[in-house]
PDB file of all heavy atoms in Angstrom:
ATOM      1  N   TYR A   1      -7.410   4.443  -0.605  1.00  0.00           N
ATOM      2  CA  TYR A   1      -7.653   3.785   0.682  1.00  0.00           C
ATOM      3  C   TYR A   1      -8.964   2.996   0.659  1.00  0.00           C
ATOM      4  O   TYR A   1      -9.012   1.820   1.060  1.00  0.00           O
ATOM      5  CB  TYR A   1      -7.690   4.816   1.807  1.00  0.00           C
ATOM      6  CG  TYR A   1      -8.239   4.249   3.100  1.00  0.00           C
ATOM      7  CD1 TYR A   1      -7.479   3.382   3.879  1.00  0.00           C
ATOM      8  CD2 TYR A   1      -9.537   4.562   3.523  1.00  0.00           C
ATOM      9  CE1 TYR A   1      -7.986   2.835   5.049  1.00  0.00           C
ATOM     10  CE2 TYR A   1     -10.047   4.023   4.694  1.00  0.00           C
ATOM     11  CZ  TYR A   1      -9.268   3.156   5.450  1.00  0.00           C
ATOM     12  OH  TYR A   1      -9.785   2.614   6.598  1.00  0.00           O
ATOM     13  N   GLU A   2     -10.038   3.626   0.215  1.00  0.00           N
ATOM     14  CA  GLU A   2     -11.346   2.965   0.232  1.00  0.00           C
ATOM     15  C   GLU A   2     -11.391   1.784  -0.741  1.00  0.00           C
ATOM     16  O   GLU A   2     -12.015   0.757  -0.463  1.00  0.00           O
ATOM     17  CB  GLU A   2     -12.456   3.971  -0.074  1.00  0.00           C
ATOM     18  CG  GLU A   2     -12.620   5.022   1.026  1.00  0.00           C
ATOM     19  CD  GLU A   2     -13.843   5.892   0.831  1.00  0.00           C
ATOM     20  OE1 GLU A   2     -14.913   5.351   0.474  1.00  0.00           O
ATOM     21  OE2 GLU A   2     -13.729   7.128   1.019  1.00  0.00           O
ATOM     22  N   LEU A   3     -10.712   1.933  -1.872  1.00  0.00           N
ATOM     23  CA  LEU A   3     -10.698   0.850  -2.850  1.00  0.00           C
ATOM     24  C   LEU A   3      -9.919  -0.348  -2.314  1.00  0.00           C
ATOM     25  O   LEU A   3     -10.377  -1.493  -2.394  1.00  0.00           O
ATOM     26  CB  LEU A   3     -10.075   1.348  -4.158  1.00  0.00           C
ATOM     27  CG  LEU A   3     -10.078   0.382  -5.353  1.00  0.00           C
ATOM     28  CD1 LEU A   3     -11.499  -0.054  -5.696  1.00  0.00           C
ATOM     29  CD2 LEU A   3      -9.417   1.032  -6.564  1.00  0.00           C
ATOM     30  N   LEU A   4      -8.755  -0.105  -1.748  1.00  0.00           N
ATOM     31  CA  LEU A   4      -7.956  -1.217  -1.215  1.00  0.00           C
ATOM     32  C   LEU A   4      -8.603  -1.801   0.037  1.00  0.00           C
ATOM     33  O   LEU A   4      -8.511  -3.006   0.290  1.00  0.00           O
ATOM     34  CB  LEU A   4      -6.535  -0.745  -0.903  1.00  0.00           C
ATOM     35  CG  LEU A   4      -5.545  -1.860  -0.566  1.00  0.00           C
ATOM     36  CD1 LEU A   4      -5.423  -2.864  -1.715  1.00  0.00           C
ATOM     37  CD2 LEU A   4      -4.165  -1.296  -0.238  1.00  0.00           C
ATOM     38  N   HIS A   5      -9.283  -0.974   0.803  1.00  0.00           N
ATOM     39  CA  HIS A   5     -10.003  -1.461   1.987  1.00  0.00           C
ATOM     40  C   HIS A   5     -11.103  -2.436   1.562  1.00  0.00           C
ATOM     41  O   HIS A   5     -11.342  -3.454   2.248  1.00  0.00           O
ATOM     42  CB  HIS A   5     -10.597  -0.283   2.763  1.00  0.00           C
ATOM     43  CG  HIS A   5     -11.186  -0.668   4.083  1.00  0.00           C
ATOM     44  ND1 HIS A   5     -12.478  -1.122   4.210  1.00  0.00           N
ATOM     45  CD2 HIS A   5     -10.653  -0.689   5.335  1.00  0.00           C
ATOM     46  CE1 HIS A   5     -12.723  -1.401   5.478  1.00  0.00           C
ATOM     47  NE2 HIS A   5     -11.629  -1.149   6.176  1.00  0.00           N
ATOM     48  N   ALA A   6     -11.777  -2.138   0.449  1.00  0.00           N
ATOM     49  CA  ALA A   6     -12.815  -3.042  -0.059  1.00  0.00           C
ATOM     50  C   ALA A   6     -12.206  -4.381  -0.475  1.00  0.00           C
ATOM     51  O   ALA A   6     -12.784  -5.452  -0.227  1.00  0.00           O
ATOM     52  CB  ALA A   6     -13.541  -2.398  -1.238  1.00  0.00           C
ATOM     53  N   PHE A   7     -11.021  -4.338  -1.102  1.00  0.00           N
ATOM     54  CA  PHE A   7     -10.317  -5.576  -1.471  1.00  0.00           C
ATOM     55  C   PHE A   7      -9.976  -6.378  -0.216  1.00  0.00           C
ATOM     56  O   PHE A   7     -10.237  -7.591  -0.138  1.00  0.00           O
ATOM     57  CB  PHE A   7      -9.043  -5.246  -2.239  1.00  0.00           C
ATOM     58  CG  PHE A   7      -8.119  -6.417  -2.443  1.00  0.00           C
ATOM     59  CD1 PHE A   7      -8.354  -7.341  -3.450  1.00  0.00           C
ATOM     60  CD2 PHE A   7      -7.010  -6.599  -1.615  1.00  0.00           C
ATOM     61  CE1 PHE A   7      -7.507  -8.431  -3.637  1.00  0.00           C
ATOM     62  CE2 PHE A   7      -6.150  -7.673  -1.788  1.00  0.00           C
ATOM     63  CZ  PHE A   7      -6.408  -8.597  -2.806  1.00  0.00           C
ATOM     64  N   ALA A   8      -9.384  -5.723   0.779  1.00  0.00           N
ATOM     65  CA  ALA A   8      -8.985  -6.406   2.008  1.00  0.00           C
ATOM     66  C   ALA A   8     -10.202  -6.996   2.723  1.00  0.00           C
ATOM     67  O   ALA A   8     -10.146  -8.121   3.247  1.00  0.00           O
ATOM     68  CB  ALA A   8      -8.246  -5.436   2.929  1.00  0.00           C
ATOM     69  N   HIS A   9     -11.297  -6.251   2.746  1.00  0.00           N
ATOM     70  CA  HIS A   9     -12.520  -6.738   3.393  1.00  0.00           C
ATOM     71  C   HIS A   9     -13.035  -7.998   2.697  1.00  0.00           C
ATOM     72  O   HIS A   9     -13.398  -8.969   3.359  1.00  0.00           O
ATOM     73  CB  HIS A   9     -13.591  -5.639   3.371  1.00  0.00           C
ATOM     74  CG  HIS A   9     -14.892  -6.063   3.972  1.00  0.00           C
ATOM     75  ND1 HIS A   9     -15.089  -6.165   5.334  1.00  0.00           N
ATOM     76  CD2 HIS A   9     -16.075  -6.434   3.383  1.00  0.00           C
ATOM     77  CE1 HIS A   9     -16.328  -6.575   5.565  1.00  0.00           C
ATOM     78  NE2 HIS A   9     -16.935  -6.737   4.408  1.00  0.00           N
ATOM     79  N   ASP A  10     -13.054  -7.970   1.366  1.00  0.00           N
ATOM     80  CA  ASP A  10     -13.525  -9.141   0.611  1.00  0.00           C
ATOM     81  C   ASP A  10     -12.632 -10.352   0.850  1.00  0.00           C
ATOM     82  O   ASP A  10     -13.107 -11.496   0.869  1.00  0.00           O
ATOM     83  CB  ASP A  10     -13.569  -8.828  -0.887  1.00  0.00           C
ATOM     84  CG  ASP A  10     -14.809  -8.035  -1.278  1.00  0.00           C
ATOM     85  OD1 ASP A  10     -15.640  -7.768  -0.380  1.00  0.00           O
ATOM     86  OD2 ASP A  10     -14.937  -7.680  -2.461  1.00  0.00           O
ATOM     87  N   LYS A  11     -11.354 -10.117   1.022  1.00  0.00           N
ATOM     88  CA  LYS A  11     -10.393 -11.209   1.210  1.00  0.00           C
ATOM     89  C   LYS A  11     -10.176 -11.550   2.695  1.00  0.00           C
ATOM     90  O   LYS A  11      -9.333 -12.397   3.010  1.00  0.00           O
ATOM     91  CB  LYS A  11      -9.043 -10.828   0.591  1.00  0.00           C
ATOM     92  CG  LYS A  11      -9.102 -10.541  -0.901  1.00  0.00           C
ATOM     93  CD  LYS A  11      -9.535 -11.760  -1.692  1.00  0.00           C
ATOM     94  CE  LYS A  11      -9.522 -11.470  -3.195  1.00  0.00           C
ATOM     95  NZ  LYS A  11      -9.950 -12.641  -3.993  1.00  0.00           N
ATOM     96  N   LYS A  12     -10.953 -10.869   3.571  1.00  0.00           N
ATOM     97  CA  LYS A  12     -10.838 -11.100   5.023  1.00  0.00           C
ATOM     98  C   LYS A  12      -9.412 -10.838   5.535  1.00  0.00           C
ATOM     99  O   LYS A  12      -8.862 -11.600   6.330  1.00  0.00           O
ATOM    100  CB  LYS A  12     -11.291 -12.515   5.391  1.00  0.00           C
ATOM    101  CG  LYS A  12     -12.764 -12.766   5.080  1.00  0.00           C
ATOM    102  CD  LYS A  12     -13.194 -14.168   5.452  1.00  0.00           C
ATOM    103  CE  LYS A  12     -14.692 -14.349   5.321  1.00  0.00           C
ATOM    104  NZ  LYS A  12     -15.229 -13.992   3.992  1.00  0.00           N
ATOM    105  N   LEU A  13      -8.834  -9.759   5.067  1.00  0.00           N
ATOM    106  CA  LEU A  13      -7.504  -9.335   5.491  1.00  0.00           C
ATOM    107  C   LEU A  13      -7.606  -8.040   6.296  1.00  0.00           C
ATOM    108  O   LEU A  13      -8.481  -7.204   6.035  1.00  0.00           O
ATOM    109  CB  LEU A  13      -6.593  -9.091   4.282  1.00  0.00           C
ATOM    110  CG  LEU A  13      -6.296 -10.292   3.380  1.00  0.00           C
ATOM    111  CD1 LEU A  13      -5.573  -9.824   2.121  1.00  0.00           C
ATOM    112  CD2 LEU A  13      -5.464 -11.334   4.114  1.00  0.00           C
ATOM    113  N   ARG A  14      -6.731  -7.855   7.232  1.00  0.00           N
ATOM    114  CA  ARG A  14      -6.633  -6.599   7.966  1.00  0.00           C
ATOM    115  C   ARG A  14      -5.697  -5.681   7.190  1.00  0.00           C
ATOM    116  O   ARG A  14      -4.566  -6.061   6.876  1.00  0.00           O
ATOM    117  CB  ARG A  14      -6.096  -6.845   9.374  1.00  0.00           C
ATOM    118  CG  ARG A  14      -6.069  -5.580  10.252  1.00  0.00           C
ATOM    119  CD  ARG A  14      -5.823  -5.947  11.709  1.00  0.00           C
ATOM    120  NE  ARG A  14      -4.502  -6.531  11.894  1.00  0.00           N
ATOM    121  CZ  ARG A  14      -3.400  -5.844  12.174  1.00  0.00           C
ATOM    122  NH1 ARG A  14      -3.457  -4.530  12.275  1.00  0.00           N
ATOM    123  NH2 ARG A  14      -2.249  -6.452  12.341  1.00  0.00           N
ATOM    124  N   LEU A  15      -6.180  -4.495   6.878  1.00  0.00           N
ATOM    125  CA  LEU A  15      -5.391  -3.559   6.079  1.00  0.00           C
ATOM    126  C   LEU A  15      -4.611  -2.612   6.971  1.00  0.00           C
ATOM    127  O   LEU A  15      -5.168  -1.974   7.868  1.00  0.00           O
ATOM    128  CB  LEU A  15      -6.309  -2.748   5.159  1.00  0.00           C
ATOM    129  CG  LEU A  15      -5.635  -1.672   4.292  1.00  0.00           C
ATOM    130  CD1 LEU A  15      -4.618  -2.294   3.339  1.00  0.00           C
ATOM    131  CD2 LEU A  15      -6.684  -0.874   3.524  1.00  0.00           C
ATOM    132  N   GLU A  16      -3.306  -2.511   6.725  1.00  0.00           N
ATOM    133  CA  GLU A  16      -2.451  -1.523   7.384  1.00  0.00           C
ATOM    134  C   GLU A  16      -1.939  -0.566   6.316  1.00  0.00           C
ATOM    135  O   GLU A  16      -1.271  -0.976   5.373  1.00  0.00           O
ATOM    136  CB  GLU A  16      -1.270  -2.200   8.085  1.00  0.00           C
ATOM    137  CG  GLU A  16      -1.663  -3.073   9.263  1.00  0.00           C
ATOM    138  CD  GLU A  16      -0.456  -3.683   9.963  1.00  0.00           C
ATOM    139  OE1 GLU A  16       0.680  -3.525   9.448  1.00  0.00           O
ATOM    140  OE2 GLU A  16      -0.644  -4.317  11.012  1.00  0.00           O
ATOM    141  N   MET A  17      -2.273   0.721   6.469  1.00  0.00           N
ATOM    142  CA  MET A  17      -1.854   1.738   5.501  1.00  0.00           C
ATOM    143  C   MET A  17      -0.803   2.639   6.122  1.00  0.00           C
ATOM    144  O   MET A  17      -0.946   3.092   7.261  1.00  0.00           O
ATOM    145  CB  MET A  17      -3.048   2.588   5.061  1.00  0.00           C
ATOM    146  CG  MET A  17      -4.087   1.855   4.235  1.00  0.00           C
ATOM    147  SD  MET A  17      -3.573   1.551   2.522  1.00  0.00           S
ATOM    148  CE  MET A  17      -3.980   3.100   1.731  1.00  0.00           C
ATOM    149  N   PHE A  18       0.264   2.903   5.365  1.00  0.00           N
ATOM    150  CA  PHE A  18       1.359   3.737   5.832  1.00  0.00           C
ATOM    151  C   PHE A  18       1.534   4.914   4.870  1.00  0.00           C
ATOM    152  O   PHE A  18       1.943   4.719   3.721  1.00  0.00           O
ATOM    153  CB  PHE A  18       2.655   2.933   5.902  1.00  0.00           C
ATOM    154  CG  PHE A  18       2.593   1.749   6.832  1.00  0.00           C
ATOM    155  CD1 PHE A  18       2.142   0.518   6.380  1.00  0.00           C
ATOM    156  CD2 PHE A  18       2.979   1.878   8.155  1.00  0.00           C
ATOM    157  CE1 PHE A  18       2.075  -0.577   7.230  1.00  0.00           C
ATOM    158  CE2 PHE A  18       2.925   0.793   9.016  1.00  0.00           C
ATOM    159  CZ  PHE A  18       2.469  -0.441   8.557  1.00  0.00           C
ATOM    160  N   PRO A  19       1.213   6.141   5.291  1.00  0.00           N
ATOM    161  CA  PRO A  19       1.431   7.304   4.416  1.00  0.00           C
ATOM    162  C   PRO A  19       2.911   7.653   4.334  1.00  0.00           C
ATOM    163  O   PRO A  19       3.606   7.679   5.356  1.00  0.00           O
ATOM    164  CB  PRO A  19       0.626   8.415   5.090  1.00  0.00           C
ATOM    165  CG  PRO A  19       0.519   7.999   6.513  1.00  0.00           C
ATOM    166  CD  PRO A  19       0.544   6.505   6.556  1.00  0.00           C
ATOM    167  N   GLU A  20       3.394   7.902   3.135  1.00  0.00           N
ATOM    168  CA  GLU A  20       4.791   8.266   2.894  1.00  0.00           C
ATOM    169  C   GLU A  20       4.829   9.249   1.734  1.00  0.00           C
ATOM    170  O   GLU A  20       4.389   8.940   0.632  1.00  0.00           O
ATOM    171  CB  GLU A  20       5.611   7.019   2.575  1.00  0.00           C
ATOM    172  CG  GLU A  20       7.046   7.272   2.129  1.00  0.00           C
ATOM    173  CD  GLU A  20       7.825   8.099   3.130  1.00  0.00           C
ATOM    174  OE1 GLU A  20       8.042   7.621   4.244  1.00  0.00           O
ATOM    175  OE2 GLU A  20       8.189   9.251   2.774  1.00  0.00           O
ATOM    176  N   MET A  21       5.364  10.455   1.994  1.00  0.00           N
ATOM    177  CA  MET A  21       5.328  11.498   0.978  1.00  0.00           C
ATOM    178  C   MET A  21       6.386  11.303  -0.109  1.00  0.00           C
ATOM    179  O   MET A  21       6.201  11.744  -1.240  1.00  0.00           O
ATOM    180  CB  MET A  21       5.529  12.867   1.627  1.00  0.00           C
ATOM    181  CG  MET A  21       4.453  13.239   2.651  1.00  0.00           C
ATOM    182  SD  MET A  21       2.764  12.982   2.067  1.00  0.00           S
ATOM    183  CE  MET A  21       2.686  14.209   0.764  1.00  0.00           C
ATOM    184  N   SER A  22       7.489  10.652   0.204  1.00  0.00           N
ATOM    185  CA  SER A  22       8.573  10.491  -0.763  1.00  0.00           C
ATOM    186  C   SER A  22       8.306   9.311  -1.702  1.00  0.00           C
ATOM    187  O   SER A  22       8.140   8.173  -1.250  1.00  0.00           O
ATOM    188  CB  SER A  22       9.899  10.274  -0.040  1.00  0.00           C
ATOM    189  OG  SER A  22      10.890   9.803  -0.924  1.00  0.00           O
ATOM    190  N   PHE A  23       8.292   9.576  -3.002  1.00  0.00           N
ATOM    191  CA  PHE A  23       8.097   8.504  -3.978  1.00  0.00           C
ATOM    192  C   PHE A  23       9.225   7.483  -3.889  1.00  0.00           C
ATOM    193  O   PHE A  23       8.997   6.273  -3.952  1.00  0.00           O
ATOM    194  CB  PHE A  23       8.032   9.089  -5.394  1.00  0.00           C
ATOM    195  CG  PHE A  23       7.942   8.041  -6.472  1.00  0.00           C
ATOM    196  CD1 PHE A  23       6.752   7.393  -6.742  1.00  0.00           C
ATOM    197  CD2 PHE A  23       9.070   7.686  -7.225  1.00  0.00           C
ATOM    198  CE1 PHE A  23       6.666   6.416  -7.728  1.00  0.00           C
ATOM    199  CE2 PHE A  23       8.999   6.709  -8.201  1.00  0.00           C
ATOM    200  CZ  PHE A  23       7.790   6.075  -8.456  1.00  0.00           C
ATOM    201  N   GLU A  24      10.457   7.968  -3.715  1.00  0.00           N
ATOM    202  CA  GLU A  24      11.606   7.072  -3.631  1.00  0.00           C
ATOM    203  C   GLU A  24      11.498   6.150  -2.413  1.00  0.00           C
ATOM    204  O   GLU A  24      11.831   4.971  -2.477  1.00  0.00           O
ATOM    205  CB  GLU A  24      12.904   7.880  -3.566  1.00  0.00           C
ATOM    206  CG  GLU A  24      13.198   8.696  -4.824  1.00  0.00           C
ATOM    207  CD  GLU A  24      13.409   7.828  -6.054  1.00  0.00           C
ATOM    208  OE1 GLU A  24      13.779   6.652  -5.887  1.00  0.00           O
ATOM    209  OE2 GLU A  24      13.195   8.332  -7.167  1.00  0.00           O
ATOM    210  N   LYS A  25      11.025   6.676  -1.288  1.00  0.00           N
ATOM    211  CA  LYS A  25      10.880   5.854  -0.085  1.00  0.00           C
ATOM    212  C   LYS A  25       9.743   4.848  -0.240  1.00  0.00           C
ATOM    213  O   LYS A  25       9.817   3.735   0.297  1.00  0.00           O
ATOM    214  CB  LYS A  25      10.663   6.744   1.140  1.00  0.00           C
ATOM    215  CG  LYS A  25      11.906   7.506   1.562  1.00  0.00           C
ATOM    216  CD  LYS A  25      11.662   8.331   2.817  1.00  0.00           C
ATOM    217  CE  LYS A  25      12.926   9.075   3.233  1.00  0.00           C
ATOM    218  NZ  LYS A  25      12.705   9.916   4.435  1.00  0.00           N
ATOM    219  N   ARG A  26       8.691   5.238  -0.932  1.00  0.00           N
ATOM    220  CA  ARG A  26       7.606   4.277  -1.191  1.00  0.00           C
ATOM    221  C   ARG A  26       8.140   3.118  -2.031  1.00  0.00           C
ATOM    222  O   ARG A  26       7.866   1.939  -1.749  1.00  0.00           O
ATOM    223  CB  ARG A  26       6.438   4.967  -1.916  1.00  0.00           C
ATOM    224  CG  ARG A  26       5.699   5.982  -1.071  1.00  0.00           C
ATOM    225  CD  ARG A  26       4.346   6.348  -1.660  1.00  0.00           C
ATOM    226  NE  ARG A  26       4.415   7.027  -2.937  1.00  0.00           N
ATOM    227  CZ  ARG A  26       4.477   8.324  -3.098  1.00  0.00           C
ATOM    228  NH1 ARG A  26       4.520   9.126  -2.046  1.00  0.00           N
ATOM    229  NH2 ARG A  26       4.501   8.873  -4.310  1.00  0.00           N
ATOM    230  N   LEU A  27       8.905   3.470  -3.052  1.00  0.00           N
ATOM    231  CA  LEU A  27       9.471   2.448  -3.938  1.00  0.00           C
ATOM    232  C   LEU A  27      10.443   1.553  -3.177  1.00  0.00           C
ATOM    233  O   LEU A  27      10.435   0.320  -3.341  1.00  0.00           O
ATOM    234  CB  LEU A  27      10.185   3.146  -5.098  1.00  0.00           C
ATOM    235  CG  LEU A  27      10.392   2.357  -6.389  1.00  0.00           C
ATOM    236  CD1 LEU A  27       9.062   1.930  -6.982  1.00  0.00           C
ATOM    237  CD2 LEU A  27      11.167   3.205  -7.388  1.00  0.00           C
ATOM    238  N   ASP A  28      11.266   2.158  -2.335  1.00  0.00           N
ATOM    239  CA  ASP A  28      12.235   1.400  -1.549  1.00  0.00           C
ATOM    240  C   ASP A  28      11.525   0.450  -0.586  1.00  0.00           C
ATOM    241  O   ASP A  28      11.960  -0.692  -0.396  1.00  0.00           O
ATOM    242  CB  ASP A  28      13.125   2.372  -0.770  1.00  0.00           C
ATOM    243  CG  ASP A  28      14.208   1.657   0.017  1.00  0.00           C
ATOM    244  OD1 ASP A  28      15.114   1.066  -0.617  1.00  0.00           O
ATOM    245  OD2 ASP A  28      14.156   1.667   1.258  1.00  0.00           O
ATOM    246  N   GLY A  29      10.423   0.913   0.013  1.00  0.00           N
ATOM    247  CA  GLY A  29       9.669   0.071   0.938  1.00  0.00           C
ATOM    248  C   GLY A  29       9.058  -1.138   0.267  1.00  0.00           C
ATOM    249  O   GLY A  29       9.025  -2.240   0.836  1.00  0.00           O
ATOM    250  N   ILE A  30       8.587  -0.964  -0.974  1.00  0.00           N
ATOM    251  CA  ILE A  30       8.058  -2.100  -1.745  1.00  0.00           C
ATOM    252  C   ILE A  30       9.189  -3.045  -2.109  1.00  0.00           C
ATOM    253  O   ILE A  30       9.084  -4.276  -1.981  1.00  0.00           O
ATOM    254  CB  ILE A  30       7.345  -1.605  -3.025  1.00  0.00           C
ATOM    255  CG1 ILE A  30       6.057  -0.855  -2.671  1.00  0.00           C
ATOM    256  CG2 ILE A  30       7.031  -2.782  -3.957  1.00  0.00           C
ATOM    257  CD1 ILE A  30       4.947  -1.710  -2.114  1.00  0.00           C
ATOM    258  N   SER A  31      10.309  -2.486  -2.547  1.00  0.00           N
ATOM    259  CA  SER A  31      11.458  -3.293  -2.967  1.00  0.00           C
ATOM    260  C   SER A  31      11.981  -4.170  -1.831  1.00  0.00           C
ATOM    261  O   SER A  31      12.334  -5.336  -2.036  1.00  0.00           O
ATOM    262  CB  SER A  31      12.568  -2.376  -3.485  1.00  0.00           C
ATOM    263  OG  SER A  31      13.740  -3.086  -3.753  1.00  0.00           O
ATOM    264  N   LYS A  32      12.008  -3.605  -0.613  1.00  0.00           N
ATOM    265  CA  LYS A  32      12.577  -4.338   0.526  1.00  0.00           C
ATOM    266  C   LYS A  32      11.552  -5.154   1.300  1.00  0.00           C
ATOM    267  O   LYS A  32      11.900  -5.830   2.258  1.00  0.00           O
ATOM    268  CB  LYS A  32      13.278  -3.351   1.461  1.00  0.00           C
ATOM    269  CG  LYS A  32      14.528  -2.741   0.819  1.00  0.00           C
ATOM    270  CD  LYS A  32      15.206  -1.739   1.737  1.00  0.00           C
ATOM    271  CE  LYS A  32      16.475  -1.204   1.082  1.00  0.00           C
ATOM    272  NZ  LYS A  32      17.125  -0.130   1.883  1.00  0.00           N
ATOM    273  N   GLY A  33      10.287  -5.069   0.900  1.00  0.00           N
ATOM    274  CA  GLY A  33       9.279  -5.907   1.535  1.00  0.00           C
ATOM    275  C   GLY A  33       8.640  -5.325   2.771  1.00  0.00           C
ATOM    276  O   GLY A  33       7.903  -6.014   3.476  1.00  0.00           O
ATOM    277  N   ARG A  34       8.889  -4.045   3.076  1.00  0.00           N
ATOM    278  CA  ARG A  34       8.206  -3.430   4.219  1.00  0.00           C
ATOM    279  C   ARG A  34       6.712  -3.288   3.929  1.00  0.00           C
ATOM    280  O   ARG A  34       5.894  -3.321   4.832  1.00  0.00           O
ATOM    281  CB  ARG A  34       8.816  -2.061   4.529  1.00  0.00           C
ATOM    282  CG  ARG A  34      10.194  -2.123   5.147  1.00  0.00           C
ATOM    283  CD  ARG A  34      10.586  -0.786   5.769  1.00  0.00           C
ATOM    284  NE  ARG A  34      10.672   0.277   4.780  1.00  0.00           N
ATOM    285  CZ  ARG A  34      11.763   0.555   4.073  1.00  0.00           C
ATOM    286  NH1 ARG A  34      12.854  -0.180   4.227  1.00  0.00           N
ATOM    287  NH2 ARG A  34      11.777   1.548   3.215  1.00  0.00           N
ATOM    288  N   TYR A  35       6.386  -3.086   2.646  1.00  0.00           N
ATOM    289  CA  TYR A  35       4.995  -2.960   2.218  1.00  0.00           C
ATOM    290  C   TYR A  35       4.721  -3.962   1.103  1.00  0.00           C
ATOM    291  O   TYR A  35       5.618  -4.336   0.349  1.00  0.00           O
ATOM    292  CB  TYR A  35       4.710  -1.540   1.711  1.00  0.00           C
ATOM    293  CG  TYR A  35       5.297  -0.443   2.557  1.00  0.00           C
ATOM    294  CD1 TYR A  35       6.275   0.410   2.044  1.00  0.00           C
ATOM    295  CD2 TYR A  35       4.874  -0.250   3.870  1.00  0.00           C
ATOM    296  CE1 TYR A  35       6.822   1.424   2.823  1.00  0.00           C
ATOM    297  CE2 TYR A  35       5.428   0.756   4.643  1.00  0.00           C
ATOM    298  CZ  TYR A  35       6.399   1.596   4.113  1.00  0.00           C
ATOM    299  OH  TYR A  35       6.949   2.593   4.874  1.00  0.00           O
ATOM    300  N   ASP A  36       3.442  -4.340   0.982  1.00  0.00           N
ATOM    301  CA  ASP A  36       3.046  -5.296  -0.058  1.00  0.00           C
ATOM    302  C   ASP A  36       2.527  -4.595  -1.312  1.00  0.00           C
ATOM    303  O   ASP A  36       2.719  -5.098  -2.425  1.00  0.00           O
ATOM    304  CB  ASP A  36       1.943  -6.229   0.474  1.00  0.00           C
ATOM    305  CG  ASP A  36       2.358  -6.946   1.750  1.00  0.00           C
ATOM    306  OD1 ASP A  36       3.447  -7.553   1.746  1.00  0.00           O
ATOM    307  OD2 ASP A  36       1.599  -6.905   2.733  1.00  0.00           O
ATOM    308  N   VAL A  37       1.848  -3.463  -1.119  1.00  0.00           N
ATOM    309  CA  VAL A  37       1.199  -2.775  -2.241  1.00  0.00           C
ATOM    310  C   VAL A  37       1.540  -1.295  -2.199  1.00  0.00           C
ATOM    311  O   VAL A  37       1.481  -0.662  -1.140  1.00  0.00           O
ATOM    312  CB  VAL A  37      -0.343  -2.938  -2.193  1.00  0.00           C
ATOM    313  CG1 VAL A  37      -0.989  -2.265  -3.406  1.00  0.00           C
ATOM    314  CG2 VAL A  37      -0.745  -4.400  -2.117  1.00  0.00           C
ATOM    315  N   LEU A  38       1.889  -0.746  -3.352  1.00  0.00           N
ATOM    316  CA  LEU A  38       2.040   0.702  -3.512  1.00  0.00           C
ATOM    317  C   LEU A  38       0.685   1.212  -3.967  1.00  0.00           C
ATOM    318  O   LEU A  38       0.342   1.161  -5.147  1.00  0.00           O
ATOM    319  CB  LEU A  38       3.129   1.021  -4.538  1.00  0.00           C
ATOM    320  CG  LEU A  38       3.334   2.492  -4.918  1.00  0.00           C
ATOM    321  CD1 LEU A  38       3.527   3.353  -3.682  1.00  0.00           C
ATOM    322  CD2 LEU A  38       4.495   2.654  -5.862  1.00  0.00           C
ATOM    323  N   ALA A  39      -0.121   1.661  -3.003  1.00  0.00           N
ATOM    324  CA  ALA A  39      -1.530   1.967  -3.263  1.00  0.00           C
ATOM    325  C   ALA A  39      -1.762   3.458  -3.387  1.00  0.00           C
ATOM    326  O   ALA A  39      -2.482   4.074  -2.604  1.00  0.00           O
ATOM    327  CB  ALA A  39      -2.404   1.373  -2.165  1.00  0.00           C
ATOM    328  N   THR A  40      -1.132   4.049  -4.363  1.00  0.00           N
ATOM    329  CA  THR A  40      -1.422   5.423  -4.747  1.00  0.00           C
ATOM    330  C   THR A  40      -1.207   5.484  -6.250  1.00  0.00           C
ATOM    331  O   THR A  40      -0.387   4.741  -6.785  1.00  0.00           O
ATOM    332  CB  THR A  40      -0.510   6.420  -4.006  1.00  0.00           C
ATOM    333  OG1 THR A  40      -0.979   7.761  -4.240  1.00  0.00           O
ATOM    334  CG2 THR A  40       0.937   6.314  -4.421  1.00  0.00           C
ATOM    335  N   GLY A  41      -1.986   6.300  -6.932  1.00  0.00           N
ATOM    336  CA  GLY A  41      -1.896   6.326  -8.383  1.00  0.00           C
ATOM    337  C   GLY A  41      -0.490   6.612  -8.869  1.00  0.00           C
ATOM    338  O   GLY A  41       0.013   7.716  -8.690  1.00  0.00           O
ATOM    339  N   THR A  42       0.146   5.616  -9.459  1.00  0.00           N
ATOM    340  CA  THR A  42       1.528   5.743  -9.930  1.00  0.00           C
ATOM    341  C   THR A  42       1.547   5.646 -11.451  1.00  0.00           C
ATOM    342  O   THR A  42       0.927   4.743 -12.021  1.00  0.00           O
ATOM    343  CB  THR A  42       2.410   4.634  -9.321  1.00  0.00           C
ATOM    344  OG1 THR A  42       2.333   4.719  -7.886  1.00  0.00           O
ATOM    345  CG2 THR A  42       3.857   4.782  -9.753  1.00  0.00           C
ATOM    346  N   VAL A  43       2.240   6.571 -12.081  1.00  0.00           N
ATOM    347  CA  VAL A  43       2.300   6.583 -13.546  1.00  0.00           C
ATOM    348  C   VAL A  43       3.041   5.340 -14.043  1.00  0.00           C
ATOM    349  O   VAL A  43       4.134   5.028 -13.578  1.00  0.00           O
ATOM    350  CB  VAL A  43       3.008   7.850 -14.056  1.00  0.00           C
ATOM    351  CG1 VAL A  43       3.077   7.843 -15.579  1.00  0.00           C
ATOM    352  CG2 VAL A  43       2.284   9.092 -13.562  1.00  0.00           C
TER     353      VAL A  43
END
């Protein structure tokens, strides 16, 4: 969160973070465009 917040601040963007416990749902959200970045350490 803090790392991506620093990126958004530098780029003058408003950051919206959505917590999601399911890896599959996170992936699906990126695939369908609900989210722009999967911002959690992913192997």
